[in-house]
C-alpha cells in the first residue's frame, strides 16, 4: 500500500476548496489537521532573499509532519492564488498539526 505524502493530500484539499469557492469569497473555510506525536522542533534561521517577481509572498521555512516525522521545509516565494490572499502559517495545537494555507 502506497502512503500519499501529506503535502499532496493537503494541496488536493485546498485545490478542491478553491474550485468550489468560485469568486464569491464565502466566509466558510476548509480545515485540515493531523494528529502528531509532539510539537515540532524549533525553527531554523533562514535569510530571506529578494523578491523574484512583483506580488510574490514569502512563505517562511517551517517544520512539516511527513511520513510520521518532522521535516524542515526551507522558505520560498509563492504567488497568491487570488488577489488579496494571505498566507496563514501552519501551527501545532493540542497534539494536532494544522498545515499552512491561503486565506
PDB file of N, CA and C in Angstrom:
ATOM      1  N   UNK A   1       0.839  -1.177   0.000  1.00  0.00           N
ATOM      2  CA  UNK A   1       0.000   0.000   0.000  1.00  0.00           C
ATOM      3  C   UNK A   1       0.881   1.236   0.000  1.00  0.00           C
ATOM      4  N   UNK A   2       0.632   2.131  -0.912  1.00  0.00           N
ATOM      5  CA  UNK A   2       1.432   3.351  -1.026  1.00  0.00           C
ATOM      6  C   UNK A   2       0.833   4.429  -0.126  1.00  0.00           C
ATOM      7  N   UNK A   3       1.690   5.116   0.654  1.00  0.00           N
ATOM      8  CA  UNK A   3       1.241   6.202   1.515  1.00  0.00           C
ATOM      9  C   UNK A   3       1.420   7.515   0.764  1.00  0.00           C
ATOM     10  N   UNK A   4       0.338   8.256   0.595  1.00  0.00           N
ATOM     11  CA  UNK A   4       0.389   9.536  -0.105  1.00  0.00           C
ATOM     12  C   UNK A   4       0.976  10.590   0.825  1.00  0.00           C
ATOM     13  N   UNK A   5       1.968  11.345   0.386  1.00  0.00           N
ATOM     14  CA  UNK A   5       2.551  12.381   1.240  1.00  0.00           C
ATOM     15  C   UNK A   5       1.496  13.402   1.667  1.00  0.00           C
ATOM     16  N   UNK A   6       1.625  13.858   2.883  1.00  0.00           N
ATOM     17  CA  UNK A   6       0.687  14.817   3.464  1.00  0.00           C
ATOM     18  C   UNK A   6       0.551  16.062   2.601  1.00  0.00           C
ATOM     19  N   UNK A   7       1.637  16.549   2.057  1.00  0.00           N
ATOM     20  CA  UNK A   7       1.596  17.762   1.248  1.00  0.00           C
ATOM     21  C   UNK A   7       0.674  17.572   0.041  1.00  0.00           C
ATOM     22  N   UNK A   8       0.725  16.414  -0.601  1.00  0.00           N
ATOM     23  CA  UNK A   8      -0.117  16.144  -1.762  1.00  0.00           C
ATOM     24  C   UNK A   8      -1.589  16.137  -1.366  1.00  0.00           C
ATOM     25  N   UNK A   9      -1.899  15.503  -0.238  1.00  0.00           N
ATOM     26  CA  UNK A   9      -3.284  15.456   0.237  1.00  0.00           C
ATOM     27  C   UNK A   9      -3.770  16.860   0.586  1.00  0.00           C
ATOM     28  N   UNK A  10      -2.938  17.632   1.296  1.00  0.00           N
ATOM     29  CA  UNK A  10      -3.324  18.988   1.679  1.00  0.00           C
ATOM     30  C   UNK A  10      -3.545  19.865   0.453  1.00  0.00           C
ATOM     31  N   UNK A  11      -2.647  19.785  -0.527  1.00  0.00           N
ATOM     32  CA  UNK A  11      -2.800  20.585  -1.740  1.00  0.00           C
ATOM     33  C   UNK A  11      -4.054  20.193  -2.516  1.00  0.00           C
ATOM     34  N   UNK A  12      -4.367  18.910  -2.552  1.00  0.00           N
ATOM     35  CA  UNK A  12      -5.575  18.463  -3.243  1.00  0.00           C
ATOM     36  C   UNK A  12      -6.823  19.010  -2.551  1.00  0.00           C
ATOM     37  N   UNK A  13      -6.824  19.007  -1.224  1.00  0.00           N
ATOM     38  CA  UNK A  13      -7.972  19.549  -0.473  1.00  0.00           C
ATOM     39  C   UNK A  13      -8.125  21.048  -0.701  1.00  0.00           C
ATOM     40  N   UNK A  14      -7.013  21.766  -0.670  1.00  0.00           N
ATOM     41  CA  UNK A  14      -7.066  23.212  -0.894  1.00  0.00           C
ATOM     42  C   UNK A  14      -7.533  23.507  -2.321  1.00  0.00           C
ATOM     43  N   UNK A  15      -7.008  22.763  -3.299  1.00  0.00           N
ATOM     44  CA  UNK A  15      -7.415  22.973  -4.692  1.00  0.00           C
ATOM     45  C   UNK A  15      -8.910  22.692  -4.852  1.00  0.00           C
ATOM     46  N   UNK A  16      -9.396  21.644  -4.226  1.00  0.00           N
ATOM     47  CA  UNK A  16     -10.829  21.329  -4.287  1.00  0.00           C
ATOM     48  C   UNK A  16     -11.672  22.416  -3.656  1.00  0.00           C
ATOM     49  N   UNK A  17     -11.214  22.937  -2.518  1.00  0.00           N
ATOM     50  CA  UNK A  17     -11.953  24.006  -1.847  1.00  0.00           C
ATOM     51  C   UNK A  17     -11.994  25.255  -2.723  1.00  0.00           C
ATOM     52  N   UNK A  18     -10.872  25.591  -3.368  1.00  0.00           N
ATOM     53  CA  UNK A  18     -10.836  26.762  -4.241  1.00  0.00           C
ATOM     54  C   UNK A  18     -11.743  26.567  -5.454  1.00  0.00           C
ATOM     55  N   UNK A  19     -11.813  25.352  -5.939  1.00  0.00           N
ATOM     56  CA  UNK A  19     -12.658  25.059  -7.092  1.00  0.00           C
ATOM     57  C   UNK A  19     -14.128  25.298  -6.763  1.00  0.00           C
ATOM     58  N   UNK A  20     -14.548  24.874  -5.562  1.00  0.00           N
ATOM     59  CA  UNK A  20     -15.937  25.041  -5.156  1.00  0.00           C
ATOM     60  C   UNK A  20     -16.243  26.445  -4.662  1.00  0.00           C
ATOM     61  N   UNK A  21     -15.226  27.166  -4.185  1.00  0.00           N
ATOM     62  CA  UNK A  21     -15.453  28.507  -3.641  1.00  0.00           C
ATOM     63  C   UNK A  21     -15.806  29.502  -4.738  1.00  0.00           C
ATOM     64  N   UNK A  22     -15.237  29.330  -5.923  1.00  0.00           N
ATOM     65  CA  UNK A  22     -15.511  30.264  -7.015  1.00  0.00           C
ATOM     66  C   UNK A  22     -15.012  31.650  -6.670  1.00  0.00           C
ATOM     67  N   UNK A  23     -15.737  32.664  -7.132  1.00  0.00           N
ATOM     68  CA  UNK A  23     -15.297  34.039  -6.908  1.00  0.00           C
ATOM     69  C   UNK A  23     -16.113  34.758  -5.856  1.00  0.00           C
ATOM     70  N   UNK A  24     -16.950  34.053  -5.108  1.00  0.00           N
ATOM     71  CA  UNK A  24     -17.830  34.734  -4.158  1.00  0.00           C
ATOM     72  C   UNK A  24     -17.278  34.764  -2.742  1.00  0.00           C
ATOM     73  N   UNK A  25     -16.044  34.654  -2.489  1.00  0.00           N
ATOM     74  CA  UNK A  25     -15.366  34.808  -1.196  1.00  0.00           C
ATOM     75  C   UNK A  25     -16.265  34.495  -0.009  1.00  0.00           C
ATOM     76  N   UNK A  26     -16.727  33.289   0.098  1.00  0.00           N
ATOM     77  CA  UNK A  26     -17.563  32.870   1.226  1.00  0.00           C
ATOM     78  C   UNK A  26     -16.731  32.851   2.499  1.00  0.00           C
ATOM     79  N   UNK A  27     -17.396  32.962   3.643  1.00  0.00           N
ATOM     80  CA  UNK A  27     -16.678  33.014   4.906  1.00  0.00           C
ATOM     81  C   UNK A  27     -16.341  31.625   5.444  1.00  0.00           C
ATOM     82  N   UNK A  28     -16.934  30.576   4.897  1.00  0.00           N
ATOM     83  CA  UNK A  28     -16.639  29.228   5.359  1.00  0.00           C
ATOM     84  C   UNK A  28     -15.251  28.815   4.884  1.00  0.00           C
ATOM     85  N   UNK A  29     -14.540  28.041   5.693  1.00  0.00           N
ATOM     86  CA  UNK A  29     -13.207  27.598   5.330  1.00  0.00           C
ATOM     87  C   UNK A  29     -13.087  26.093   5.468  1.00  0.00           C
ATOM     88  N   UNK A  30     -12.087  25.544   4.838  1.00  0.00           N
ATOM     89  CA  UNK A  30     -11.804  24.125   4.934  1.00  0.00           C
ATOM     90  C   UNK A  30     -10.625  23.966   5.869  1.00  0.00           C
ATOM     91  N   UNK A  31     -10.759  23.124   6.874  1.00  0.00           N
ATOM     92  CA  UNK A  31      -9.674  22.922   7.827  1.00  0.00           C
ATOM     93  C   UNK A  31      -9.181  21.492   7.788  1.00  0.00           C
ATOM     94  N   UNK A  32      -7.881  21.336   7.832  1.00  0.00           N
ATOM     95  CA  UNK A  32      -7.268  20.018   7.857  1.00  0.00           C
ATOM     96  C   UNK A  32      -6.360  20.003   9.072  1.00  0.00           C
ATOM     97  N   UNK A  33      -6.426  18.943   9.849  1.00  0.00           N
ATOM     98  CA  UNK A  33      -5.499  18.804  10.970  1.00  0.00           C
ATOM     99  C   UNK A  33      -5.071  17.348  11.054  1.00  0.00           C
ATOM    100  N   UNK A  34      -3.863  17.123  11.510  1.00  0.00           N
ATOM    101  CA  UNK A  34      -3.287  15.798  11.581  1.00  0.00           C
ATOM    102  C   UNK A  34      -2.793  15.584  12.998  1.00  0.00           C
ATOM    103  N   UNK A  35      -3.181  14.459  13.610  1.00  0.00           N
ATOM    104  CA  UNK A  35      -2.697  14.170  14.950  1.00  0.00           C
ATOM    105  C   UNK A  35      -1.242  13.725  14.835  1.00  0.00           C
ATOM    106  N   UNK A  36      -0.380  14.341  15.647  1.00  0.00           N
ATOM    107  CA  UNK A  36       1.051  14.059  15.592  1.00  0.00           C
ATOM    108  C   UNK A  36       1.562  13.682  16.972  1.00  0.00           C
ATOM    109  N   UNK A  37       2.813  13.184  17.018  1.00  0.00           N
ATOM    110  CA  UNK A  37       3.381  12.699  18.264  1.00  0.00           C
ATOM    111  C   UNK A  37       3.823  13.773  19.241  1.00  0.00           C
ATOM    112  N   UNK A  38       4.123  14.953  18.787  1.00  0.00           N
ATOM    113  CA  UNK A  38       4.589  16.005  19.676  1.00  0.00           C
ATOM    114  C   UNK A  38       4.849  17.264  18.893  1.00  0.00           C
ATOM    115  N   UNK A  39       5.161  18.353  19.606  1.00  0.00           N
ATOM    116  CA  UNK A  39       5.387  19.616  18.917  1.00  0.00           C
ATOM    117  C   UNK A  39       6.615  19.563  18.009  1.00  0.00           C
ATOM    118  N   UNK A  40       6.644  20.426  16.989  1.00  0.00           N
ATOM    119  CA  UNK A  40       7.799  20.438  16.083  1.00  0.00           C
ATOM    120  C   UNK A  40       9.040  20.991  16.758  1.00  0.00           C
ATOM    121  N   UNK A  41      10.228  20.627  16.255  1.00  0.00           N
ATOM    122  CA  UNK A  41      11.463  21.210  16.767  1.00  0.00           C
ATOM    123  C   UNK A  41      11.494  22.714  16.482  1.00  0.00           C
ATOM    124  N   UNK A  42      12.388  23.441  17.137  1.00  0.00           N
ATOM    125  CA  UNK A  42      12.467  24.885  16.876  1.00  0.00           C
ATOM    126  C   UNK A  42      12.803  25.173  15.412  1.00  0.00           C
ATOM    127  N   UNK A  43      12.356  26.336  14.896  1.00  0.00           N
ATOM    128  CA  UNK A  43      12.649  26.670  13.506  1.00  0.00           C
ATOM    129  C   UNK A  43      14.132  26.943  13.275  1.00  0.00           C
ATOM    130  N   UNK A  44      14.545  26.799  12.034  1.00  0.00           N
ATOM    131  CA  UNK A  44      15.915  27.073  11.607  1.00  0.00           C
ATOM    132  C   UNK A  44      15.930  28.490  11.043  1.00  0.00           C
ATOM    133  N   UNK A  45      16.934  29.288  11.419  1.00  0.00           N
ATOM    134  CA  UNK A  45      17.002  30.651  10.889  1.00  0.00           C
ATOM    135  C   UNK A  45      17.377  30.601   9.414  1.00  0.00           C
ATOM    136  N   UNK A  46      16.644  31.353   8.602  1.00  0.00           N
ATOM    137  CA  UNK A  46      16.932  31.438   7.177  1.00  0.00           C
ATOM    138  C   UNK A  46      16.994  32.902   6.755  1.00  0.00           C
ATOM    139  N   UNK A  47      17.851  33.173   5.817  1.00  0.00           N
ATOM    140  CA  UNK A  47      17.943  34.515   5.259  1.00  0.00           C
ATOM    141  C   UNK A  47      16.958  34.624   4.091  1.00  0.00           C
ATOM    142  N   UNK A  48      16.074  35.619   4.150  1.00  0.00           N
ATOM    143  CA  UNK A  48      15.116  35.833   3.061  1.00  0.00           C
ATOM    144  C   UNK A  48      15.804  36.618   1.963  1.00  0.00           C
ATOM    145  N   UNK A  49      15.785  36.101   0.755  1.00  0.00           N
ATOM    146  CA  UNK A  49      16.406  36.785  -0.370  1.00  0.00           C
ATOM    147  C   UNK A  49      15.403  37.724  -1.029  1.00  0.00           C
ATOM    148  N   UNK A  50      15.838  38.513  -2.004  1.00  0.00           N
ATOM    149  CA  UNK A  50      14.991  39.490  -2.673  1.00  0.00           C
ATOM    150  C   UNK A  50      13.813  38.855  -3.405  1.00  0.00           C
ATOM    151  N   UNK A  51      12.731  39.577  -3.456  1.00  0.00           N
ATOM    152  CA  UNK A  51      11.515  39.109  -4.126  1.00  0.00           C
ATOM    153  C   UNK A  51      11.794  38.888  -5.611  1.00  0.00           C
ATOM    154  N   UNK A  52      11.533  37.681  -6.135  1.00  0.00           N
ATOM    155  CA  UNK A  52      11.872  37.369  -7.526  1.00  0.00           C
ATOM    156  C   UNK A  52      10.935  37.996  -8.553  1.00  0.00           C
ATOM    157  N   UNK A  53       9.712  38.357  -8.168  1.00  0.00           N
ATOM    158  CA  UNK A  53       8.755  38.964  -9.087  1.00  0.00           C
ATOM    159  C   UNK A  53       7.714  39.725  -8.281  1.00  0.00           C
ATOM    160  N   UNK A  54       7.079  40.744  -8.881  1.00  0.00           N
ATOM    161  CA  UNK A  54       6.078  41.531  -8.162  1.00  0.00           C
ATOM    162  C   UNK A  54       4.921  40.646  -7.686  1.00  0.00           C
ATOM    163  N   UNK A  55       4.475  40.892  -6.485  1.00  0.00           N
ATOM    164  CA  UNK A  55       3.358  40.140  -5.921  1.00  0.00           C
ATOM    165  C   UNK A  55       3.751  38.851  -5.224  1.00  0.00           C
ATOM    166  N   UNK A  56       5.032  38.489  -5.279  1.00  0.00           N
ATOM    167  CA  UNK A  56       5.480  37.264  -4.622  1.00  0.00           C
ATOM    168  C   UNK A  56       5.357  37.407  -3.107  1.00  0.00           C
ATOM    169  N   UNK A  57       4.936  36.337  -2.451  1.00  0.00           N
ATOM    170  CA  UNK A  57       4.767  36.312  -0.996  1.00  0.00           C
ATOM    171  C   UNK A  57       5.762  35.313  -0.413  1.00  0.00           C
ATOM    172  N   UNK A  58       6.476  35.727   0.653  1.00  0.00           N
ATOM    173  CA  UNK A  58       7.448  34.853   1.297  1.00  0.00           C
ATOM    174  C   UNK A  58       6.718  33.872   2.207  1.00  0.00           C
ATOM    175  N   UNK A  59       6.963  32.585   1.980  1.00  0.00           N
ATOM    176  CA  UNK A  59       6.463  31.525   2.854  1.00  0.00           C
ATOM    177  C   UNK A  59       7.666  31.096   3.677  1.00  0.00           C
ATOM    178  N   UNK A  60       7.650  31.420   4.957  1.00  0.00           N
ATOM    179  CA  UNK A  60       8.801  31.155   5.822  1.00  0.00           C
ATOM    180  C   UNK A  60       9.055  29.657   5.954  1.00  0.00           C
ATOM    181  N   UNK A  61      10.323  29.301   6.155  1.00  0.00           N
ATOM    182  CA  UNK A  61      10.679  27.911   6.393  1.00  0.00           C
ATOM    183  C   UNK A  61       9.945  27.400   7.622  1.00  0.00           C
ATOM    184  N   UNK A  62       9.607  26.128   7.618  1.00  0.00           N
ATOM    185  CA  UNK A  62       8.813  25.572   8.710  1.00  0.00           C
ATOM    186  C   UNK A  62       8.977  24.054   8.777  1.00  0.00           C
ATOM    187  N   UNK A  63       8.593  23.493   9.901  1.00  0.00           N
ATOM    188  CA  UNK A  63       8.571  22.045  10.062  1.00  0.00           C
ATOM    189  C   UNK A  63       7.246  21.528   9.526  1.00  0.00           C
ATOM    190  N   UNK A  64       7.261  20.403   8.833  1.00  0.00           N
ATOM    191  CA  UNK A  64       6.037  19.747   8.356  1.00  0.00           C
ATOM    192  C   UNK A  64       6.049  18.307   8.822  1.00  0.00           C
ATOM    193  N   UNK A  65       4.887  17.784   9.151  1.00  0.00           N
ATOM    194  CA  UNK A  65       4.747  16.391   9.554  1.00  0.00           C
ATOM    195  C   UNK A  65       4.618  15.551   8.289  1.00  0.00           C
ATOM    196  N   UNK A  66       5.653  14.783   7.956  1.00  0.00           N
ATOM    197  CA  UNK A  66       5.674  13.994   6.733  1.00  0.00           C
ATOM    198  C   UNK A  66       6.079  12.559   7.073  1.00  0.00           C
ATOM    199  N   UNK A  67       5.246  11.614   6.684  1.00  0.00           N
ATOM    200  CA  UNK A  67       5.519  10.186   6.890  1.00  0.00           C
ATOM    201  C   UNK A  67       5.943   9.855   8.323  1.00  0.00           C
ATOM    202  N   UNK A  68       5.236  10.410   9.296  1.00  0.00           N
ATOM    203  CA  UNK A  68       5.473  10.064  10.692  1.00  0.00           C
ATOM    204  C   UNK A  68       6.599  10.798  11.381  1.00  0.00           C
ATOM    205  N   UNK A  69       7.093  11.896  10.815  1.00  0.00           N
ATOM    206  CA  UNK A  69       8.158  12.650  11.462  1.00  0.00           C
ATOM    207  C   UNK A  69       8.207  14.087  10.984  1.00  0.00           C
ATOM    208  N   UNK A  70       8.868  14.936  11.775  1.00  0.00           N
ATOM    209  CA  UNK A  70       9.015  16.352  11.419  1.00  0.00           C
ATOM    210  C   UNK A  70      10.132  16.510  10.411  1.00  0.00           C
ATOM    211  N   UNK A  71       9.860  17.255   9.344  1.00  0.00           N
ATOM    212  CA  UNK A  71      10.839  17.518   8.284  1.00  0.00           C
ATOM    213  C   UNK A  71      10.891  19.023   8.046  1.00  0.00           C
ATOM    214  N   UNK A  72      12.114  19.587   7.966  1.00  0.00           N
ATOM    215  CA  UNK A  72      12.264  21.011   7.714  1.00  0.00           C
ATOM    216  C   UNK A  72      12.042  21.295   6.227  1.00  0.00           C
ATOM    217  N   UNK A  73      11.168  22.281   5.951  1.00  0.00           N
ATOM    218  CA  UNK A  73      10.912  22.729   4.579  1.00  0.00           C
ATOM    219  C   UNK A  73      11.430  24.161   4.500  1.00  0.00           C
ATOM    220  N   UNK A  74      12.416  24.404   3.648  1.00  0.00           N
ATOM    221  CA  UNK A  74      13.015  25.730   3.541  1.00  0.00           C
ATOM    222  C   UNK A  74      12.038  26.775   3.018  1.00  0.00           C
ATOM    223  N   UNK A  75      12.264  28.031   3.391  1.00  0.00           N
ATOM    224  CA  UNK A  75      11.412  29.125   2.941  1.00  0.00           C
ATOM    225  C   UNK A  75      11.486  29.338   1.440  1.00  0.00           C
ATOM    226  N   UNK A  76      10.417  29.897   0.878  1.00  0.00           N
ATOM    227  CA  UNK A  76      10.348  30.122  -0.564  1.00  0.00           C
ATOM    228  C   UNK A  76       9.327  31.211  -0.873  1.00  0.00           C
ATOM    229  N   UNK A  77       9.372  31.732  -2.064  1.00  0.00           N
ATOM    230  CA  UNK A  77       8.391  32.704  -2.527  1.00  0.00           C
ATOM    231  C   UNK A  77       7.310  31.978  -3.309  1.00  0.00           C
ATOM    232  N   UNK A  78       6.080  32.454  -3.180  1.00  0.00           N
ATOM    233  CA  UNK A  78       4.954  31.868  -3.916  1.00  0.00           C
ATOM    234  C   UNK A  78       4.055  32.997  -4.405  1.00  0.00           C
ATOM    235  N   UNK A  79       3.299  32.702  -5.430  1.00  0.00           N
ATOM    236  CA  UNK A  79       2.351  33.670  -5.965  1.00  0.00           C
ATOM    237  C   UNK A  79       0.980  33.347  -5.388  1.00  0.00           C
ATOM    238  N   UNK A  80       0.298  34.309  -4.756  1.00  0.00           N
ATOM    239  CA  UNK A  80      -1.019  34.038  -4.179  1.00  0.00           C
ATOM    240  C   UNK A  80      -1.992  33.520  -5.236  1.00  0.00           C
ATOM    241  N   UNK A  81      -2.891  32.596  -4.863  1.00  0.00           N
ATOM    242  CA  UNK A  81      -3.815  32.012  -5.833  1.00  0.00           C
ATOM    243  C   UNK A  81      -4.896  32.974  -6.318  1.00  0.00           C
ATOM    244  N   UNK A  82      -5.146  34.065  -5.571  1.00  0.00           N
ATOM    245  CA  UNK A  82      -6.123  35.072  -5.975  1.00  0.00           C
ATOM    246  C   UNK A  82      -5.778  36.383  -5.282  1.00  0.00           C
ATOM    247  N   UNK A  83      -6.285  37.478  -5.807  1.00  0.00           N
ATOM    248  CA  UNK A  83      -5.991  38.793  -5.251  1.00  0.00           C
ATOM    249  C   UNK A  83      -6.446  38.919  -3.799  1.00  0.00           C
ATOM    250  N   UNK A  84      -5.592  39.475  -2.969  1.00  0.00           N
ATOM    251  CA  UNK A  84      -5.920  39.672  -1.557  1.00  0.00           C
ATOM    252  C   UNK A  84      -5.685  38.452  -0.684  1.00  0.00           C
ATOM    253  N   UNK A  85      -5.201  37.356  -1.264  1.00  0.00           N
ATOM    254  CA  UNK A  85      -4.944  36.144  -0.481  1.00  0.00           C
ATOM    255  C   UNK A  85      -3.792  36.386   0.489  1.00  0.00           C
ATOM    256  N   UNK A  86      -3.902  35.810   1.673  1.00  0.00           N
ATOM    257  CA  UNK A  86      -2.891  35.945   2.724  1.00  0.00           C
ATOM    258  C   UNK A  86      -2.459  34.549   3.146  1.00  0.00           C
ATOM    259  N   UNK A  87      -1.145  34.341   3.317  1.00  0.00           N
ATOM    260  CA  UNK A  87      -0.640  33.049   3.765  1.00  0.00           C
ATOM    261  C   UNK A  87      -0.794  32.939   5.274  1.00  0.00           C
ATOM    262  N   UNK A  88      -1.438  31.886   5.733  1.00  0.00           N
ATOM    263  CA  UNK A  88      -1.600  31.608   7.158  1.00  0.00           C
ATOM    264  C   UNK A  88      -0.639  30.463   7.481  1.00  0.00           C
ATOM    265  N   UNK A  89       0.401  30.714   8.297  1.00  0.00           N
ATOM    266  CA  UNK A  89       1.387  29.673   8.588  1.00  0.00           C
ATOM    267  C   UNK A  89       0.754  28.490   9.324  1.00  0.00           C
ATOM    268  N   UNK A  90       1.340  27.322   9.138  1.00  0.00           N
ATOM    269  CA  UNK A  90       0.892  26.146   9.876  1.00  0.00           C
ATOM    270  C   UNK A  90       1.202  26.309  11.352  1.00  0.00           C
ATOM    271  N   UNK A  91       0.473  25.586  12.192  1.00  0.00           N
ATOM    272  CA  UNK A  91       0.727  25.665  13.632  1.00  0.00           C
ATOM    273  C   UNK A  91       0.344  24.356  14.313  1.00  0.00           C
ATOM    274  N   UNK A  92       0.978  24.141  15.464  1.00  0.00           N
ATOM    275  CA  UNK A  92       0.752  22.955  16.285  1.00  0.00           C
ATOM    276  C   UNK A  92      -0.109  23.370  17.466  1.00  0.00           C
ATOM    277  N   UNK A  93      -1.180  22.608  17.738  1.00  0.00           N
ATOM    278  CA  UNK A  93      -2.023  22.942  18.886  1.00  0.00           C
ATOM    279  C   UNK A  93      -2.680  21.671  19.430  1.00  0.00           C
ATOM    280  N   UNK A  94      -2.480  21.419  20.703  1.00  0.00           N
ATOM    281  CA  UNK A  94      -3.138  20.322  21.425  1.00  0.00           C
ATOM    282  C   UNK A  94      -2.948  18.964  20.747  1.00  0.00           C
ATOM    283  N   UNK A  95      -1.731  18.670  20.287  1.00  0.00           N
ATOM    284  CA  UNK A  95      -1.444  17.380  19.689  1.00  0.00           C
ATOM    285  C   UNK A  95      -1.772  17.259  18.212  1.00  0.00           C
ATOM    286  N   UNK A  96      -2.225  18.354  17.595  1.00  0.00           N
ATOM    287  CA  UNK A  96      -2.577  18.320  16.177  1.00  0.00           C
ATOM    288  C   UNK A  96      -1.780  19.354  15.395  1.00  0.00           C
ATOM    289  N   UNK A  97      -1.389  18.979  14.176  1.00  0.00           N
ATOM    290  CA  UNK A  97      -0.697  19.884  13.276  1.00  0.00           C
ATOM    291  C   UNK A  97      -1.707  20.405  12.258  1.00  0.00           C
ATOM    292  N   UNK A  98      -1.809  21.725  12.152  1.00  0.00           N
ATOM    293  CA  UNK A  98      -2.703  22.392  11.203  1.00  0.00           C
ATOM    294  C   UNK A  98      -1.808  23.020  10.125  1.00  0.00           C
ATOM    295  N   UNK A  99      -1.761  22.440   8.921  1.00  0.00           N
ATOM    296  CA  UNK A  99      -0.863  22.933   7.874  1.00  0.00           C
ATOM    297  C   UNK A  99      -1.181  24.368   7.444  1.00  0.00           C
ATOM    298  N   UNK A 100      -0.153  25.057   6.936  1.00  0.00           N
ATOM    299  CA  UNK A 100      -0.344  26.403   6.411  1.00  0.00           C
ATOM    300  C   UNK A 100      -1.264  26.379   5.188  1.00  0.00           C
ATOM    301  N   UNK A 101      -1.919  27.526   4.939  1.00  0.00           N
ATOM    302  CA  UNK A 101      -2.854  27.606   3.817  1.00  0.00           C
ATOM    303  C   UNK A 101      -3.088  29.061   3.419  1.00  0.00           C
ATOM    304  N   UNK A 102      -3.653  29.254   2.248  1.00  0.00           N
ATOM    305  CA  UNK A 102      -4.012  30.594   1.776  1.00  0.00           C
ATOM    306  C   UNK A 102      -5.418  30.910   2.281  1.00  0.00           C
ATOM    307  N   UNK A 103      -5.623  32.138   2.722  1.00  0.00           N
ATOM    308  CA  UNK A 103      -6.955  32.565   3.180  1.00  0.00           C
ATOM    309  C   UNK A 103      -7.280  33.908   2.564  1.00  0.00           C
TER     310      UNK A 103
END
